[in-house]
Amino acid sequence: MQAKQIKKLYYSIGEVSDLTGLKQYVLRYWETEFPHLKPNKNSAGNRIYRQNDIDNLLEIKKLLHEEKFTIKGAKQYLKTHKEERQVQKSIKKVLPMLSQDELQVLKKLKIGLADLLKDIDQIND
């Protein structure tokens, strides 16, 4: 799930509300529930969100609205899958820079890993 990309460094709470489809009061409430949601504030005290904040909100929205997690469950999921998400973000940044040969190697590795996982599952059954 991706928000519309406006090429800005900071977004107001109204812009984030429009981009994510979440009400402003929901954004403020989620800040109290999810410790990693901490948008900065400008000199007037207004929240200013960065793209990373929006990505975090969209991930939480997906967990709560699509995956039907409770807030407690979403917190636990985010806590336990933090490292996995960081690796996925790093991979997404690197993929566009890979050559076709490197992509082919990754595809072969993926197939090999899938086969290995099947073998492990058969051993465990």
Protein backbone atom coordinates (compact mmCIF):
# COMPACT_ATOMS: atom_id res chain seq x y z
CA MET A 1 0.00 0.00 0.00
CA GLN A 2 1.58 3.26 -1.08
CA ALA A 3 0.43 6.81 -0.54
CA LYS A 4 0.37 9.30 -3.37
CA GLN A 5 3.84 10.78 -3.53
CA ILE A 6 4.04 14.54 -3.25
CA LYS A 7 7.64 15.62 -3.59
CA LYS A 8 7.99 17.48 -0.31
CA LEU A 9 10.27 17.15 2.68
CA TYR A 10 7.50 17.74 5.23
CA TYR A 11 3.73 17.27 5.21
CA SER A 12 1.08 18.84 7.42
CA ILE A 13 -1.36 16.67 9.36
CA GLY A 14 -4.09 17.65 6.88
CA GLU A 15 -1.98 16.52 3.93
CA VAL A 16 -1.14 13.25 5.68
CA SER A 17 -4.82 12.74 6.45
CA ASP A 18 -5.65 13.17 2.75
CA LEU A 19 -2.77 10.96 1.59
CA THR A 20 -3.53 8.10 3.97
CA GLY A 21 -7.31 8.33 4.15
CA LEU A 22 -7.12 8.58 7.95
CA LYS A 23 -8.84 11.24 10.04
CA GLN A 24 -6.59 13.70 11.85
CA TYR A 25 -7.81 12.55 15.26
CA VAL A 26 -6.85 8.98 14.32
CA LEU A 27 -3.33 10.14 13.44
CA ARG A 28 -3.04 11.90 16.79
CA TYR A 29 -4.41 8.87 18.67
CA TRP A 30 -2.04 6.46 16.94
CA GLU A 31 0.87 8.65 18.06
CA THR A 32 -0.12 7.85 21.65
CA GLU A 33 -0.38 4.11 20.94
CA PHE A 34 2.63 3.48 18.69
CA PRO A 35 5.89 4.78 20.16
CA HIS A 36 7.72 4.94 16.83
CA LEU A 37 5.16 7.42 15.47
CA LYS A 38 6.67 10.70 16.56
CA PRO A 39 6.32 13.40 13.91
CA ASN A 40 8.38 16.50 14.53
CA LYS A 41 6.72 19.81 15.28
CA ASN A 42 7.46 23.14 13.65
CA SER A 43 8.03 26.42 15.49
CA ALA A 44 4.26 26.95 15.70
CA GLY A 45 3.83 23.54 17.35
CA ASN A 46 2.15 21.92 14.33
CA ARG A 47 2.99 18.34 13.44
CA ILE A 48 5.23 17.93 10.41
CA TYR A 49 5.45 14.46 8.91
CA ARG A 50 8.24 13.02 6.75
CA GLN A 51 7.76 10.29 4.15
CA ASN A 52 9.01 7.71 6.65
CA ASP A 53 6.25 8.75 9.08
CA ILE A 54 3.67 8.30 6.31
CA ASP A 55 5.08 4.87 5.45
CA ASN A 56 4.79 3.86 9.12
CA LEU A 57 1.18 5.09 9.25
CA LEU A 58 0.31 3.11 6.13
CA GLU A 59 1.84 -0.02 7.62
CA ILE A 60 -0.20 0.42 10.80
CA LYS A 61 -3.33 1.13 8.75
CA LYS A 62 -2.78 -2.08 6.79
CA LEU A 63 -2.36 -4.11 9.97
CA LEU A 64 -5.44 -2.64 11.65
CA HIS A 65 -7.83 -2.22 8.72
CA GLU A 66 -6.86 -4.98 6.28
CA GLU A 67 -5.21 -7.63 8.45
CA LYS A 68 -7.73 -6.98 11.27
CA PHE A 69 -5.11 -6.80 14.03
CA THR A 70 -6.05 -5.22 17.34
CA ILE A 71 -3.92 -2.25 18.42
CA LYS A 72 -2.21 -4.52 20.95
CA GLY A 73 -1.60 -7.15 18.27
CA ALA A 74 -0.27 -4.59 15.80
CA LYS A 75 2.13 -3.24 18.43
CA GLN A 76 3.42 -6.75 19.11
CA TYR A 77 3.73 -7.53 15.40
CA LEU A 78 5.66 -4.33 14.73
CA LYS A 79 7.96 -5.01 17.67
CA THR A 80 8.77 -8.58 16.63
CA HIS A 81 9.09 -7.88 12.89
CA LYS A 82 11.14 -4.67 13.11
CA GLU A 83 14.37 -6.23 11.80
CA GLU A 84 12.56 -8.00 8.95
CA ARG A 85 10.95 -4.71 7.86
CA GLN A 86 14.32 -2.95 7.90
CA VAL A 87 15.80 -5.64 5.65
CA GLN A 88 12.83 -5.38 3.27
CA LYS A 89 13.23 -1.59 3.04
CA SER A 90 16.94 -1.98 2.29
CA ILE A 91 16.23 -4.53 -0.42
CA LYS A 92 13.63 -2.27 -2.05
CA LYS A 93 16.20 0.52 -2.21
CA VAL A 94 18.85 -1.73 -3.79
CA LEU A 95 16.72 -3.66 -6.31
CA PRO A 96 16.47 -0.85 -8.90
CA MET A 97 20.28 -0.61 -8.97
CA LEU A 98 20.87 -4.30 -9.79
CA SER A 99 21.83 -5.54 -13.24
CA GLN A 100 19.82 -8.21 -15.05
CA ASP A 101 22.51 -10.79 -14.25
CA GLU A 102 22.33 -9.95 -10.55
CA LEU A 103 18.53 -10.21 -10.64
CA GLN A 104 18.80 -13.65 -12.26
CA VAL A 105 21.14 -14.80 -9.48
CA LEU A 106 18.64 -13.57 -6.88
CA LYS A 107 15.80 -15.42 -8.63
CA LYS A 108 17.84 -18.66 -8.58
CA LEU A 109 18.61 -18.14 -4.90
CA LYS A 110 14.92 -17.60 -4.20
CA ILE A 111 14.02 -20.87 -5.94
CA GLY A 112 16.77 -22.69 -4.05
CA LEU A 113 15.57 -21.30 -0.73
CA ALA A 114 11.98 -22.27 -1.50
CA ASP A 115 13.12 -25.84 -2.25
CA LEU A 116 15.13 -25.91 0.98
CA LEU A 117 12.11 -24.73 2.98
CA LYS A 118 9.99 -27.51 1.44
CA ASP A 119 12.63 -30.06 2.44
CA ILE A 120 12.67 -28.71 5.99
CA ASP A 121 8.87 -28.88 6.16
CA GLN A 122 8.95 -32.52 5.00
CA ILE A 123 11.50 -33.39 7.68
CA ASN A 124 9.35 -31.74 10.35
CA ASP A 125 6.17 -33.57 9.27
